[in-house]
Amino acid sequence: MEKNNVNRILHTMTPFLALILTERLLLMLARRLFSEVGDALGLGIFLLAAAFALFLFRAVRYPEEGETDPVPDLIRKRAGRCLLHLAAAVAALVTLMFVVAAYMNGESAYSDTASVAGDMPSLSPLSVLSLLLIHPVAEEYLFRRCFYGELRRMNPVFGCMAQAVMFAIMHETVDGMLYALAAGVILGILAEETGRLWPCVAAHMLVNARSLISVTVFAERGGVRYAMDSGILTLGAVAFVILAATRARSASAAERQAERAKRAESRKKQEAGT
């Protein structure tokens, strides 16, 4: 059991450290060679580092010992329930932006929520594609599918917290790290609750799109931004209420079923005694 846990930590930490060191060393080298690191070069470096990390995660395997009480595999939920979790997660992520921005920027928090996860990129097609598609897919696959999927086999709570810390280290600014740490927890919970990767990718994409729109299309239209965020938070609150009510009803049904089974067992014992 302990050997398995050590191997799982090595299985995730080795590619994670490779990801961090490769990306940052290549960026350092690029800044020395070029006066400016453009969108294409920055994206290329990220993809190279991510591909190297994924190669190490897939290629390096450690022997496992038998376990008497292994952690159950993730349960894949239906699409409708996944959508409810997605709406609640997006609302939580947007709320988190406000909290981090308020803590770091005070009165200017609302206008700064779009940049709490780091400097906003340029609006070149490649940069927008990277922000809305490439980074969400690559980061969610590495952190929520690979790293969390491996570490949760030790303990789901530990796995969720560990991958969130790793996700935060990927960011360079203080506010970016704070946001990424809490966002990693939310996305880890989303992966655990849905058993699927696509809700995590979709949540990441939607939050990035919200940030991009806020500082471009609606940069000078505070009322529209307020209405957009209000709509996101309202949908998330409704989804959360539905999920909570569904879970309470399921728990109540399970209790009633257990009570019926207990009564049936008691009747069998009485009949056997007579």
C-alpha atoms as a PDB file:
ATOM      1  CA  MET A   1       0.000   0.000   0.000  1.00  0.00           C
ATOM      2  CA  GLU A   2       2.708   2.493   0.991  1.00  0.00           C
ATOM      3  CA  LYS A   3       4.803   1.479  -1.999  1.00  0.00           C
ATOM      4  CA  ASN A   4       1.846   2.124  -4.290  1.00  0.00           C
ATOM      5  CA  ASN A   5       1.390   5.611  -2.849  1.00  0.00           C
ATOM      6  CA  VAL A   6       5.071   6.452  -3.266  1.00  0.00           C
ATOM      7  CA  ASN A   7       4.934   5.266  -6.869  1.00  0.00           C
ATOM      8  CA  ARG A   8       1.816   7.327  -7.554  1.00  0.00           C
ATOM      9  CA  ILE A   9       3.484  10.459  -6.241  1.00  0.00           C
ATOM     10  CA  LEU A  10       6.546   9.760  -8.387  1.00  0.00           C
ATOM     11  CA  HIS A  11       4.293   9.045 -11.366  1.00  0.00           C
ATOM     12  CA  THR A  12       2.752  12.514 -11.132  1.00  0.00           C
ATOM     13  CA  MET A  13       5.597  14.628  -9.764  1.00  0.00           C
ATOM     14  CA  THR A  14       8.128  13.533 -12.394  1.00  0.00           C
ATOM     15  CA  PRO A  15       6.105  14.741 -15.418  1.00  0.00           C
ATOM     16  CA  PHE A  16       4.893  17.805 -13.491  1.00  0.00           C
ATOM     17  CA  LEU A  17       8.439  18.913 -12.674  1.00  0.00           C
ATOM     18  CA  ALA A  18       9.414  18.194 -16.267  1.00  0.00           C
ATOM     19  CA  LEU A  19       6.528  20.407 -17.425  1.00  0.00           C
ATOM     20  CA  ILE A  20       7.518  23.309 -15.168  1.00  0.00           C
ATOM     21  CA  LEU A  21      11.266  23.141 -15.757  1.00  0.00           C
ATOM     22  CA  THR A  22      11.021  22.614 -19.505  1.00  0.00           C
ATOM     23  CA  GLU A  23       8.605  25.484 -20.042  1.00  0.00           C
ATOM     24  CA  ARG A  24      10.440  27.973 -17.843  1.00  0.00           C
ATOM     25  CA  LEU A  25      13.923  27.088 -19.056  1.00  0.00           C
ATOM     26  CA  LEU A  26      12.830  27.385 -22.682  1.00  0.00           C
ATOM     27  CA  LEU A  27      11.100  30.709 -21.962  1.00  0.00           C
ATOM     28  CA  MET A  28      14.251  31.976 -20.258  1.00  0.00           C
ATOM     29  CA  LEU A  29      16.333  30.924 -23.246  1.00  0.00           C
ATOM     30  CA  ALA A  30      13.865  32.495 -25.677  1.00  0.00           C
ATOM     31  CA  ARG A  31      13.954  35.816 -23.810  1.00  0.00           C
ATOM     32  CA  ARG A  32      17.745  35.837 -24.047  1.00  0.00           C
ATOM     33  CA  LEU A  33      17.756  35.065 -27.751  1.00  0.00           C
ATOM     34  CA  PHE A  34      14.857  37.276 -28.820  1.00  0.00           C
ATOM     35  CA  SER A  35      13.815  40.748 -27.789  1.00  0.00           C
ATOM     36  CA  GLU A  36      10.209  39.598 -27.415  1.00  0.00           C
ATOM     37  CA  VAL A  37       8.564  36.195 -27.019  1.00  0.00           C
ATOM     38  CA  GLY A  38       5.622  36.237 -29.424  1.00  0.00           C
ATOM     39  CA  ASP A  39       2.360  34.330 -29.180  1.00  0.00           C
ATOM     40  CA  ALA A  40       3.489  31.588 -31.551  1.00  0.00           C
ATOM     41  CA  LEU A  41       6.782  30.965 -29.753  1.00  0.00           C
ATOM     42  CA  GLY A  42       5.167  31.059 -26.301  1.00  0.00           C
ATOM     43  CA  LEU A  43       2.461  28.612 -27.386  1.00  0.00           C
ATOM     44  CA  GLY A  44       5.011  26.352 -29.024  1.00  0.00           C
ATOM     45  CA  ILE A  45       7.070  26.221 -25.830  1.00  0.00           C
ATOM     46  CA  PHE A  46       3.979  25.387 -23.754  1.00  0.00           C
ATOM     47  CA  LEU A  47       2.912  22.612 -26.129  1.00  0.00           C
ATOM     48  CA  LEU A  48       6.416  21.155 -26.213  1.00  0.00           C
ATOM     49  CA  ALA A  49       6.601  21.111 -22.398  1.00  0.00           C
ATOM     50  CA  ALA A  50       3.086  19.644 -22.113  1.00  0.00           C
ATOM     51  CA  ALA A  51       3.866  16.944 -24.692  1.00  0.00           C
ATOM     52  CA  PHE A  52       7.058  16.029 -22.838  1.00  0.00           C
ATOM     53  CA  ALA A  53       5.175  15.785 -19.537  1.00  0.00           C
ATOM     54  CA  LEU A  54       2.444  13.645 -21.100  1.00  0.00           C
ATOM     55  CA  PHE A  55       5.061  11.373 -22.676  1.00  0.00           C
ATOM     56  CA  LEU A  56       6.703  10.810 -19.285  1.00  0.00           C
ATOM     57  CA  PHE A  57       3.337  10.163 -17.620  1.00  0.00           C
ATOM     58  CA  ARG A  58       2.361   7.583 -20.240  1.00  0.00           C
ATOM     59  CA  ALA A  59       5.763   5.973 -20.766  1.00  0.00           C
ATOM     60  CA  VAL A  60       6.934   5.565 -17.154  1.00  0.00           C
ATOM     61  CA  ARG A  61       5.027   2.942 -15.182  1.00  0.00           C
ATOM     62  CA  TYR A  62       5.588   1.598 -11.700  1.00  0.00           C
ATOM     63  CA  PRO A  63       4.677  -1.881 -10.437  1.00  0.00           C
ATOM     64  CA  GLU A  64       1.658  -1.991  -8.147  1.00  0.00           C
ATOM     65  CA  GLU A  65       0.969  -4.216  -5.177  1.00  0.00           C
ATOM     66  CA  GLY A  66      -2.468  -5.584  -4.412  1.00  0.00           C
ATOM     67  CA  GLU A  67      -4.751  -3.421  -2.238  1.00  0.00           C
ATOM     68  CA  THR A  68      -7.448  -4.649   0.104  1.00  0.00           C
ATOM     69  CA  ASP A  69      -9.501  -1.434  -0.035  1.00  0.00           C
ATOM     70  CA  PRO A  70      -8.766   0.477  -3.257  1.00  0.00           C
ATOM     71  CA  VAL A  71     -10.421   3.799  -4.046  1.00  0.00           C
ATOM     72  CA  PRO A  72     -13.369   3.190  -6.432  1.00  0.00           C
ATOM     73  CA  ASP A  73     -13.031   4.434  -9.981  1.00  0.00           C
ATOM     74  CA  LEU A  74     -14.785   7.619 -11.036  1.00  0.00           C
ATOM     75  CA  ILE A  75     -18.467   7.199 -11.878  1.00  0.00           C
ATOM     76  CA  ARG A  76     -19.417   8.741 -15.209  1.00  0.00           C
ATOM     77  CA  LYS A  77     -22.587  10.808 -14.708  1.00  0.00           C
ATOM     78  CA  ARG A  78     -25.215  11.516 -17.337  1.00  0.00           C
ATOM     79  CA  ALA A  79     -24.929  14.570 -19.563  1.00  0.00           C
ATOM     80  CA  GLY A  80     -27.812  16.426 -17.896  1.00  0.00           C
ATOM     81  CA  ARG A  81     -26.289  16.136 -14.451  1.00  0.00           C
ATOM     82  CA  CYS A  82     -22.891  17.097 -15.862  1.00  0.00           C
ATOM     83  CA  LEU A  83     -24.423  20.282 -17.269  1.00  0.00           C
ATOM     84  CA  LEU A  84     -25.806  21.203 -13.852  1.00  0.00           C
ATOM     85  CA  HIS A  85     -22.395  20.677 -12.278  1.00  0.00           C
ATOM     86  CA  LEU A  86     -20.830  22.692 -15.104  1.00  0.00           C
ATOM     87  CA  ALA A  87     -23.136  25.667 -14.505  1.00  0.00           C
ATOM     88  CA  ALA A  88     -22.457  25.588 -10.758  1.00  0.00           C
ATOM     89  CA  ALA A  89     -18.688  25.329 -11.327  1.00  0.00           C
ATOM     90  CA  VAL A  90     -18.582  28.261 -13.761  1.00  0.00           C
ATOM     91  CA  ALA A  91     -20.524  30.420 -11.312  1.00  0.00           C
ATOM     92  CA  ALA A  92     -18.125  29.396  -8.523  1.00  0.00           C
ATOM     93  CA  LEU A  93     -15.104  30.241 -10.690  1.00  0.00           C
ATOM     94  CA  VAL A  94     -16.487  33.664 -11.601  1.00  0.00           C
ATOM     95  CA  THR A  95     -17.295  34.346  -7.940  1.00  0.00           C
ATOM     96  CA  LEU A  96     -13.763  33.298  -7.101  1.00  0.00           C
ATOM     97  CA  MET A  97     -12.455  35.881  -9.554  1.00  0.00           C
ATOM     98  CA  PHE A  98     -14.309  38.611  -7.695  1.00  0.00           C
ATOM     99  CA  VAL A  99     -12.971  37.415  -4.337  1.00  0.00           C
ATOM    100  CA  VAL A 100      -9.348  37.270  -5.490  1.00  0.00           C
ATOM    101  CA  ALA A 101      -9.585  40.550  -7.373  1.00  0.00           C
ATOM    102  CA  ALA A 102     -11.174  42.270  -4.367  1.00  0.00           C
ATOM    103  CA  TYR A 103      -8.441  40.928  -2.089  1.00  0.00           C
ATOM    104  CA  MET A 104      -5.628  41.966  -4.440  1.00  0.00           C
ATOM    105  CA  ASN A 105      -7.013  45.148  -6.011  1.00  0.00           C
ATOM    106  CA  GLY A 106      -9.558  46.638  -3.612  1.00  0.00           C
ATOM    107  CA  GLU A 107     -12.005  49.061  -5.177  1.00  0.00           C
ATOM    108  CA  SER A 108     -10.870  48.301  -8.731  1.00  0.00           C
ATOM    109  CA  ALA A 109     -11.754  44.650  -8.285  1.00  0.00           C
ATOM    110  CA  TYR A 110     -14.553  44.467 -10.844  1.00  0.00           C
ATOM    111  CA  SER A 111     -12.472  45.738 -13.742  1.00  0.00           C
ATOM    112  CA  ASP A 112      -9.542  43.521 -12.727  1.00  0.00           C
ATOM    113  CA  THR A 113     -11.327  40.184 -12.523  1.00  0.00           C
ATOM    114  CA  ALA A 114     -10.380  39.304 -16.090  1.00  0.00           C
ATOM    115  CA  SER A 115      -6.679  39.325 -15.281  1.00  0.00           C
ATOM    116  CA  VAL A 116      -6.538  37.566 -11.902  1.00  0.00           C
ATOM    117  CA  ALA A 117      -5.202  34.432 -13.561  1.00  0.00           C
ATOM    118  CA  GLY A 118      -2.369  36.334 -15.252  1.00  0.00           C
ATOM    119  CA  ASP A 119      -1.772  38.958 -17.914  1.00  0.00           C
ATOM    120  CA  MET A 120      -4.370  38.887 -20.651  1.00  0.00           C
ATOM    121  CA  PRO A 121      -2.864  37.952 -24.034  1.00  0.00           C
ATOM    122  CA  SER A 122      -3.093  39.890 -27.244  1.00  0.00           C
ATOM    123  CA  LEU A 123      -6.126  39.510 -29.478  1.00  0.00           C
ATOM    124  CA  SER A 124      -4.312  37.779 -32.320  1.00  0.00           C
ATOM    125  CA  PRO A 125      -6.159  34.734 -33.698  1.00  0.00           C
ATOM    126  CA  LEU A 126      -3.458  32.416 -32.342  1.00  0.00           C
ATOM    127  CA  SER A 127      -3.646  33.971 -28.893  1.00  0.00           C
ATOM    128  CA  VAL A 128      -7.446  33.698 -28.781  1.00  0.00           C
ATOM    129  CA  LEU A 129      -7.262  30.095 -29.990  1.00  0.00           C
ATOM    130  CA  SER A 130      -4.722  29.346 -27.279  1.00  0.00           C
ATOM    131  CA  LEU A 131      -6.821  30.981 -24.559  1.00  0.00           C
ATOM    132  CA  LEU A 132     -10.144  29.450 -25.539  1.00  0.00           C
ATOM    133  CA  LEU A 133      -9.125  26.001 -26.754  1.00  0.00           C
ATOM    134  CA  ILE A 134      -5.505  24.874 -26.553  1.00  0.00           C
ATOM    135  CA  HIS A 135      -4.666  25.790 -22.944  1.00  0.00           C
ATOM    136  CA  PRO A 136      -8.002  24.587 -21.493  1.00  0.00           C
ATOM    137  CA  VAL A 137      -7.764  21.219 -23.238  1.00  0.00           C
ATOM    138  CA  ALA A 138      -4.071  20.659 -22.481  1.00  0.00           C
ATOM    139  CA  GLU A 139      -4.208  21.828 -18.859  1.00  0.00           C
ATOM    140  CA  GLU A 140      -7.399  19.966 -17.989  1.00  0.00           C
ATOM    141  CA  TYR A 141      -6.121  16.761 -19.552  1.00  0.00           C
ATOM    142  CA  LEU A 142      -2.831  16.942 -17.674  1.00  0.00           C
ATOM    143  CA  PHE A 143      -4.068  18.180 -14.301  1.00  0.00           C
ATOM    144  CA  ARG A 144      -7.593  16.807 -13.965  1.00  0.00           C
ATOM    145  CA  ARG A 145      -7.307  13.615 -16.028  1.00  0.00           C
ATOM    146  CA  CYS A 146      -3.691  12.502 -15.558  1.00  0.00           C
ATOM    147  CA  PHE A 147      -2.460  14.004 -12.283  1.00  0.00           C
ATOM    148  CA  TYR A 148      -5.752  13.984 -10.390  1.00  0.00           C
ATOM    149  CA  GLY A 149      -6.738  10.621 -11.831  1.00  0.00           C
ATOM    150  CA  GLU A 150      -3.541   9.100 -10.453  1.00  0.00           C
ATOM    151  CA  LEU A 151      -3.374  10.899  -7.090  1.00  0.00           C
ATOM    152  CA  ARG A 152      -7.039  10.285  -6.192  1.00  0.00           C
ATOM    153  CA  ARG A 153      -6.224   6.571  -6.060  1.00  0.00           C
ATOM    154  CA  MET A 154      -4.390   7.405  -2.818  1.00  0.00           C
ATOM    155  CA  ASN A 155      -7.228   9.562  -1.490  1.00  0.00           C
ATOM    156  CA  PRO A 156      -9.658  11.762  -3.455  1.00  0.00           C
ATOM    157  CA  VAL A 157      -9.311  14.721  -1.068  1.00  0.00           C
ATOM    158  CA  PHE A 158      -5.518  14.549  -1.139  1.00  0.00           C
ATOM    159  CA  GLY A 159      -5.562  14.162  -4.914  1.00  0.00           C
ATOM    160  CA  CYS A 160      -7.795  17.194  -5.351  1.00  0.00           C
ATOM    161  CA  MET A 161      -5.663  19.413  -3.129  1.00  0.00           C
ATOM    162  CA  ALA A 162      -2.371  18.169  -4.595  1.00  0.00           C
ATOM    163  CA  GLN A 163      -3.313  18.803  -8.211  1.00  0.00           C
ATOM    164  CA  ALA A 164      -4.669  22.236  -7.246  1.00  0.00           C
ATOM    165  CA  VAL A 165      -1.306  23.165  -5.708  1.00  0.00           C
ATOM    166  CA  MET A 166       0.453  21.909  -8.822  1.00  0.00           C
ATOM    167  CA  PHE A 167      -1.922  23.933 -11.000  1.00  0.00           C
ATOM    168  CA  ALA A 168      -1.190  27.055  -8.946  1.00  0.00           C
ATOM    169  CA  ILE A 169       2.569  26.629  -9.380  1.00  0.00           C
ATOM    170  CA  MET A 170       2.013  26.822 -13.135  1.00  0.00           C
ATOM    171  CA  HIS A 171       1.080  30.498 -12.723  1.00  0.00           C
ATOM    172  CA  GLU A 172       3.621  33.231 -12.093  1.00  0.00           C
ATOM    173  CA  THR A 173       1.776  36.117 -10.399  1.00  0.00           C
ATOM    174  CA  VAL A 174       0.546  36.101  -6.804  1.00  0.00           C
ATOM    175  CA  ASP A 175      -3.091  36.742  -7.713  1.00  0.00           C
ATOM    176  CA  GLY A 176      -2.810  34.185 -10.502  1.00  0.00           C
ATOM    177  CA  MET A 177      -1.548  31.563  -8.047  1.00  0.00           C
ATOM    178  CA  LEU A 178      -4.296  32.333  -5.529  1.00  0.00           C
ATOM    179  CA  TYR A 179      -6.962  32.048  -8.182  1.00  0.00           C
ATOM    180  CA  ALA A 180      -5.457  28.903  -9.746  1.00  0.00           C
ATOM    181  CA  LEU A 181      -5.207  27.202  -6.351  1.00  0.00           C
ATOM    182  CA  ALA A 182      -8.902  27.637  -5.579  1.00  0.00           C
ATOM    183  CA  ALA A 183      -9.908  27.065  -9.205  1.00  0.00           C
ATOM    184  CA  GLY A 184      -7.961  23.811  -9.203  1.00  0.00           C
ATOM    185  CA  VAL A 185      -9.982  22.633  -6.208  1.00  0.00           C
ATOM    186  CA  ILE A 186     -13.260  23.541  -7.926  1.00  0.00           C
ATOM    187  CA  LEU A 187     -12.245  21.809 -11.160  1.00  0.00           C
ATOM    188  CA  GLY A 188     -11.026  18.773  -9.228  1.00  0.00           C
ATOM    189  CA  ILE A 189     -14.403  18.523  -7.488  1.00  0.00           C
ATOM    190  CA  LEU A 190     -16.084  18.901 -10.883  1.00  0.00           C
ATOM    191  CA  ALA A 191     -14.026  15.992 -12.236  1.00  0.00           C
ATOM    192  CA  GLU A 192     -14.898  13.882  -9.196  1.00  0.00           C
ATOM    193  CA  GLU A 193     -18.616  14.681  -9.293  1.00  0.00           C
ATOM    194  CA  THR A 194     -19.091  14.119 -13.038  1.00  0.00           C
ATOM    195  CA  GLY A 195     -16.521  11.393 -13.693  1.00  0.00           C
ATOM    196  CA  ARG A 196     -15.825  13.067 -17.022  1.00  0.00           C
ATOM    197  CA  LEU A 197     -13.238  15.448 -18.439  1.00  0.00           C
ATOM    198  CA  TRP A 198     -15.375  17.526 -20.790  1.00  0.00           C
ATOM    199  CA  PRO A 199     -17.171  19.514 -18.035  1.00  0.00           C
ATOM    200  CA  CYS A 200     -13.755  20.634 -16.711  1.00  0.00           C
ATOM    201  CA  VAL A 201     -12.621  21.648 -20.198  1.00  0.00           C
ATOM    202  CA  ALA A 202     -15.917  23.445 -20.854  1.00  0.00           C
ATOM    203  CA  ALA A 203     -15.750  25.318 -17.523  1.00  0.00           C
ATOM    204  CA  HIS A 204     -12.166  26.394 -18.248  1.00  0.00           C
ATOM    205  CA  MET A 205     -13.139  27.561 -21.735  1.00  0.00           C
ATOM    206  CA  LEU A 206     -16.221  29.451 -20.561  1.00  0.00           C
ATOM    207  CA  VAL A 207     -14.393  31.304 -17.802  1.00  0.00           C
ATOM    208  CA  ASN A 208     -11.579  32.253 -20.183  1.00  0.00           C
ATOM    209  CA  ALA A 209     -14.144  33.405 -22.747  1.00  0.00           C
ATOM    210  CA  ARG A 210     -15.912  35.475 -20.095  1.00  0.00           C
ATOM    211  CA  SER A 211     -12.623  37.167 -19.180  1.00  0.00           C
ATOM    212  CA  LEU A 212     -11.722  37.826 -22.799  1.00  0.00           C
ATOM    213  CA  ILE A 213     -15.123  39.314 -23.610  1.00  0.00           C
ATOM    214  CA  SER A 214     -15.049  41.472 -20.483  1.00  0.00           C
ATOM    215  CA  VAL A 215     -11.823  43.222 -21.491  1.00  0.00           C
ATOM    216  CA  THR A 216     -12.579  43.503 -25.218  1.00  0.00           C
ATOM    217  CA  VAL A 217     -16.168  43.584 -26.438  1.00  0.00           C
ATOM    218  CA  PHE A 218     -17.630  44.911 -23.174  1.00  0.00           C
ATOM    219  CA  ALA A 219     -14.574  46.762 -21.876  1.00  0.00           C
ATOM    220  CA  GLU A 220     -16.439  50.095 -21.816  1.00  0.00           C
ATOM    221  CA  ARG A 221     -19.882  48.697 -21.064  1.00  0.00           C
ATOM    222  CA  GLY A 222     -20.015  48.003 -17.370  1.00  0.00           C
ATOM    223  CA  GLY A 223     -23.772  47.476 -17.376  1.00  0.00           C
ATOM    224  CA  VAL A 224     -23.534  44.699 -19.948  1.00  0.00           C
ATOM    225  CA  ARG A 225     -20.704  43.051 -18.017  1.00  0.00           C
ATOM    226  CA  TYR A 226     -22.794  43.239 -14.858  1.00  0.00           C
ATOM    227  CA  ALA A 227     -25.783  41.655 -16.636  1.00  0.00           C
ATOM    228  CA  MET A 228     -23.595  38.907 -18.110  1.00  0.00           C
ATOM    229  CA  ASP A 229     -22.053  38.035 -14.753  1.00  0.00           C
ATOM    230  CA  SER A 230     -25.432  38.221 -13.029  1.00  0.00           C
ATOM    231  CA  GLY A 231     -26.794  35.726 -15.528  1.00  0.00           C
ATOM    232  CA  ILE A 232     -23.852  33.378 -14.956  1.00  0.00           C
ATOM    233  CA  LEU A 233     -24.246  33.552 -11.176  1.00  0.00           C
ATOM    234  CA  THR A 234     -28.017  33.092 -11.355  1.00  0.00           C
ATOM    235  CA  LEU A 235     -27.723  29.987 -13.553  1.00  0.00           C
ATOM    236  CA  GLY A 236     -25.072  28.625 -11.235  1.00  0.00           C
ATOM    237  CA  ALA A 237     -27.214  29.228  -8.157  1.00  0.00           C
ATOM    238  CA  VAL A 238     -30.209  27.499  -9.758  1.00  0.00           C
ATOM    239  CA  ALA A 239     -28.030  24.551 -10.776  1.00  0.00           C
ATOM    240  CA  PHE A 240     -26.613  24.312  -7.254  1.00  0.00           C
ATOM    241  CA  VAL A 241     -30.100  24.291  -5.706  1.00  0.00           C
ATOM    242  CA  ILE A 242     -31.254  21.556  -8.104  1.00  0.00           C
ATOM    243  CA  LEU A 243     -28.168  19.454  -7.349  1.00  0.00           C
ATOM    244  CA  ALA A 244     -28.582  19.918  -3.604  1.00  0.00           C
ATOM    245  CA  ALA A 245     -32.280  19.000  -3.768  1.00  0.00           C
ATOM    246  CA  THR A 246     -31.524  15.956  -5.930  1.00  0.00           C
ATOM    247  CA  ARG A 247     -28.822  14.783  -3.554  1.00  0.00           C
ATOM    248  CA  ALA A 248     -31.090  15.248  -0.538  1.00  0.00           C
ATOM    249  CA  ARG A 249     -33.866  13.320  -2.246  1.00  0.00           C
ATOM    250  CA  SER A 250     -31.465  10.517  -3.194  1.00  0.00           C
ATOM    251  CA  ALA A 251     -30.180  10.336   0.373  1.00  0.00           C
ATOM    252  CA  SER A 252     -33.728  10.207   1.692  1.00  0.00           C
ATOM    253  CA  ALA A 253     -34.639   7.453  -0.770  1.00  0.00           C
ATOM    254  CA  ALA A 254     -31.538   5.472   0.239  1.00  0.00           C
ATOM    255  CA  GLU A 255     -32.491   5.800   3.900  1.00  0.00           C
ATOM    256  CA  ARG A 256     -36.028   4.585   3.201  1.00  0.00           C
ATOM    257  CA  GLN A 257     -34.690   1.649   1.199  1.00  0.00           C
ATOM    258  CA  ALA A 258     -32.286   0.737   3.984  1.00  0.00           C
ATOM    259  CA  GLU A 259     -35.114   0.943   6.523  1.00  0.00           C
ATOM    260  CA  ARG A 260     -37.318  -1.337   4.393  1.00  0.00           C
ATOM    261  CA  ALA A 261     -34.468  -3.822   4.047  1.00  0.00           C
ATOM    262  CA  LYS A 262     -33.946  -3.741   7.807  1.00  0.00           C
ATOM    263  CA  ARG A 263     -37.633  -4.384   8.462  1.00  0.00           C
ATOM    264  CA  ALA A 264     -37.683  -7.230   5.928  1.00  0.00           C
ATOM    265  CA  GLU A 265     -34.656  -8.801   7.590  1.00  0.00           C
ATOM    266  CA  SER A 266     -36.333  -8.468  10.987  1.00  0.00           C
ATOM    267  CA  ARG A 267     -39.495 -10.167   9.721  1.00  0.00           C
ATOM    268  CA  LYS A 268     -37.440 -13.037   8.288  1.00  0.00           C
ATOM    269  CA  LYS A 269     -35.749 -13.536  11.639  1.00  0.00           C
ATOM    270  CA  GLN A 270     -39.117 -13.523  13.419  1.00  0.00           C
ATOM    271  CA  GLU A 271     -40.592 -16.029  10.947  1.00  0.00           C
ATOM    272  CA  ALA A 272     -37.524 -18.238  11.303  1.00  0.00           C
ATOM    273  CA  GLY A 273     -37.892 -18.108  15.116  1.00  0.00           C
ATOM    274  CA  THR A 274     -41.495 -19.191  14.988  1.00  0.00           C
END
